[in-house]
Amino acid sequence: MKISFKAVVAAAAGVALATGLAMGAAAAAASASVRPATVTVNAPTRHTVALEPCGLNVCWMDLSSRFQITTGPSGWTHGTHWSVWNNREAVGRGWLDISDATTWSAGHVTLVLTRPVNGVTISGHKHPYFTRLHIEGGKGIASHWYWNWTLGDWIA
């Protein structure tokens, strides 16, 4: 389920780095301009997918029992059950753990993925992916996130 990157557009990366990667409109513009090449294995069971970091690559997932955010503090859910997953949104509930200097439990949360856009190729087929994440509940983590291709991660 890995997505391999083609060469990153140098101008987009430079703009993103100059603005602190996650700050302001320049980073949002940079994230929209950099796209992955293809997913190398498997095919999703749903048309719209969620992206998440996995090592130095980006992976996709659908209906997984876990969901990962690695931009500090790192967060991940486990035991996630998705009650809705369609072409407009995905809603799941699970247990959130967070790690920064220490690791702690943020409690039960609801994940709401929205604003799908086209652009990721998986097994030869183009799939939309969610670009916004809202985390309801939990403690010690931001609630509004967006997908950033330059970093290959969710940004608060």
Protein backbone atom coordinates (compact mmCIF):
# COMPACT_ATOMS: atom_id res chain seq x y z
CA MET A 1 0.00 0.00 0.00
CA LYS A 2 2.91 2.40 -0.52
CA ILE A 3 2.76 5.41 -2.80
CA SER A 4 6.10 6.28 -4.34
CA PHE A 5 6.85 9.94 -5.09
CA LYS A 6 8.06 11.32 -8.43
CA ALA A 7 10.51 14.18 -8.19
CA VAL A 8 9.13 17.00 -6.06
CA VAL A 9 8.78 20.32 -7.81
CA ALA A 10 11.68 22.34 -6.42
CA ALA A 11 9.80 25.63 -6.43
CA ALA A 12 6.91 24.20 -4.43
CA ALA A 13 9.26 22.65 -1.89
CA GLY A 14 11.23 25.89 -1.59
CA VAL A 15 8.07 27.91 -0.97
CA ALA A 16 6.89 25.39 1.62
CA LEU A 17 10.23 25.39 3.45
CA ALA A 18 10.47 29.19 3.40
CA THR A 19 7.08 29.49 5.04
CA GLY A 20 7.78 27.02 7.79
CA LEU A 21 6.12 24.11 5.96
CA ALA A 22 2.82 24.29 7.74
CA MET A 23 2.12 28.00 7.91
CA GLY A 24 0.06 30.22 5.69
CA ALA A 25 -1.31 30.00 2.19
CA ALA A 26 2.05 29.23 0.56
CA ALA A 27 2.23 25.83 2.25
CA ALA A 28 -1.35 25.05 1.28
CA ALA A 29 -0.57 26.00 -2.33
CA ALA A 30 2.55 23.86 -2.29
CA SER A 31 0.64 20.87 -0.97
CA ALA A 32 -1.83 21.13 -3.81
CA SER A 33 0.88 21.27 -6.47
CA VAL A 34 2.87 18.13 -5.55
CA ARG A 35 1.29 14.75 -6.36
CA PRO A 36 2.43 11.13 -5.99
CA ALA A 37 3.25 8.85 -8.89
CA THR A 38 1.48 5.58 -8.13
CA VAL A 39 0.61 3.10 -5.44
CA THR A 40 2.72 0.01 -5.88
CA VAL A 41 0.56 -2.80 -4.49
CA ASN A 42 -3.05 -3.84 -3.87
CA ALA A 43 -6.26 -1.97 -4.60
CA PRO A 44 -8.63 -0.22 -2.20
CA THR A 45 -12.03 -1.64 -1.35
CA ARG A 46 -13.50 1.89 -1.46
CA HIS A 47 -13.26 4.42 -4.28
CA THR A 48 -12.15 7.31 -2.03
CA VAL A 49 -9.09 6.69 0.14
CA ALA A 50 -7.35 8.31 3.11
CA LEU A 51 -3.61 9.02 2.96
CA GLU A 52 -1.21 8.58 5.84
CA PRO A 53 2.56 8.65 6.34
CA CYS A 54 4.47 5.37 6.42
CA GLY A 55 8.21 5.74 6.88
CA LEU A 56 9.60 7.86 4.05
CA ASN A 57 6.62 7.10 1.80
CA VAL A 58 2.91 7.83 1.79
CA CYS A 59 0.40 5.02 2.12
CA TRP A 60 -3.31 4.88 1.47
CA MET A 61 -5.93 3.15 3.53
CA ASP A 62 -9.64 2.51 3.60
CA LEU A 63 -11.64 1.05 6.47
CA SER A 64 -8.47 0.26 8.45
CA SER A 65 -8.74 -0.23 12.21
CA ARG A 66 -5.82 2.17 12.68
CA PHE A 67 -5.05 5.68 11.42
CA GLN A 68 -1.75 7.55 11.76
CA ILE A 69 -0.55 11.17 11.97
CA THR A 70 3.20 11.67 12.43
CA THR A 71 3.50 15.47 12.56
CA GLY A 72 4.20 16.44 16.17
CA PRO A 73 2.90 15.38 18.32
CA SER A 74 2.47 12.02 16.59
CA GLY A 75 -0.94 10.49 16.97
CA TRP A 76 -2.53 7.21 16.00
CA THR A 77 -5.86 5.56 16.52
CA HIS A 78 -6.47 1.89 17.05
CA GLY A 79 -9.63 -0.15 17.31
CA THR A 80 -11.16 2.28 14.79
CA HIS A 81 -14.59 1.35 13.41
CA TRP A 82 -15.84 3.28 10.37
CA SER A 83 -19.60 3.91 10.38
CA VAL A 84 -19.51 5.98 7.15
CA TRP A 85 -17.15 5.77 4.18
CA ASN A 86 -18.37 7.20 0.91
CA ASN A 87 -17.23 9.61 -1.81
CA ARG A 88 -17.91 12.68 0.40
CA GLU A 89 -16.79 11.71 3.89
CA ALA A 90 -15.58 8.99 6.21
CA VAL A 91 -16.50 8.85 9.90
CA GLY A 92 -14.77 6.51 12.32
CA ARG A 93 -14.47 6.11 16.08
CA GLY A 94 -11.44 4.75 17.89
CA TRP A 95 -8.92 5.18 20.68
CA LEU A 96 -6.25 7.89 20.19
CA ASP A 97 -2.70 7.64 21.54
CA ILE A 98 -0.22 10.52 21.26
CA SER A 99 3.56 10.60 21.51
CA ASP A 100 5.85 13.60 21.83
CA ALA A 101 8.42 13.61 24.64
CA THR A 102 6.23 10.96 26.31
CA THR A 103 3.33 8.78 25.16
CA TRP A 104 -0.17 9.22 26.54
CA SER A 105 -3.72 8.25 25.76
CA ALA A 106 -5.99 11.01 24.50
CA GLY A 107 -9.08 8.85 24.87
CA HIS A 108 -11.93 7.99 22.51
CA VAL A 109 -12.18 10.16 19.40
CA THR A 110 -14.25 10.51 16.27
CA LEU A 111 -12.35 10.97 13.00
CA VAL A 112 -14.14 12.84 10.21
CA LEU A 113 -12.42 12.83 6.80
CA THR A 114 -13.82 15.25 4.18
CA ARG A 115 -13.10 17.33 1.04
CA PRO A 116 -11.97 14.61 -1.35
CA VAL A 117 -9.97 15.62 -4.45
CA ASN A 118 -8.83 13.50 -7.39
CA GLY A 119 -5.24 12.66 -7.91
CA VAL A 120 -3.76 9.44 -6.50
CA THR A 121 -3.22 6.45 -8.84
CA ILE A 122 -3.65 3.04 -7.22
CA SER A 123 -3.20 -0.13 -9.28
CA GLY A 124 -3.67 1.83 -12.50
CA HIS A 125 -6.88 3.62 -11.44
CA LYS A 126 -7.17 7.22 -10.29
CA HIS A 127 -8.78 7.58 -6.84
CA PRO A 128 -9.94 10.63 -4.92
CA TYR A 129 -8.43 11.10 -1.48
CA PHE A 130 -9.63 13.02 1.56
CA THR A 131 -7.80 16.32 2.22
CA ARG A 132 -9.35 17.38 5.55
CA LEU A 133 -9.39 15.63 8.91
CA HIS A 134 -11.38 16.73 11.96
CA ILE A 135 -10.68 14.98 15.27
CA GLU A 136 -13.57 15.27 17.71
CA GLY A 137 -12.81 14.52 21.36
CA GLY A 138 -9.48 13.51 22.78
CA LYS A 139 -7.11 15.76 24.67
CA GLY A 140 -3.72 17.19 23.79
CA ILE A 141 -4.12 17.19 20.00
CA ALA A 142 -5.36 19.74 17.45
CA SER A 143 -8.78 19.13 15.97
CA HIS A 144 -8.46 20.47 12.38
CA TRP A 145 -5.90 19.04 9.90
CA TYR A 146 -5.20 19.11 6.16
CA TRP A 147 -3.16 16.79 3.92
CA ASN A 148 0.19 18.23 2.76
CA TRP A 149 2.01 16.48 -0.12
CA THR A 150 5.27 18.32 0.52
CA LEU A 151 5.56 16.73 3.95
CA GLY A 152 3.57 13.60 3.13
CA ASP A 153 1.56 14.04 6.31
CA TRP A 154 -1.43 15.67 7.97
CA ILE A 155 -0.79 19.25 9.17
CA ALA A 156 -2.70 21.01 11.96
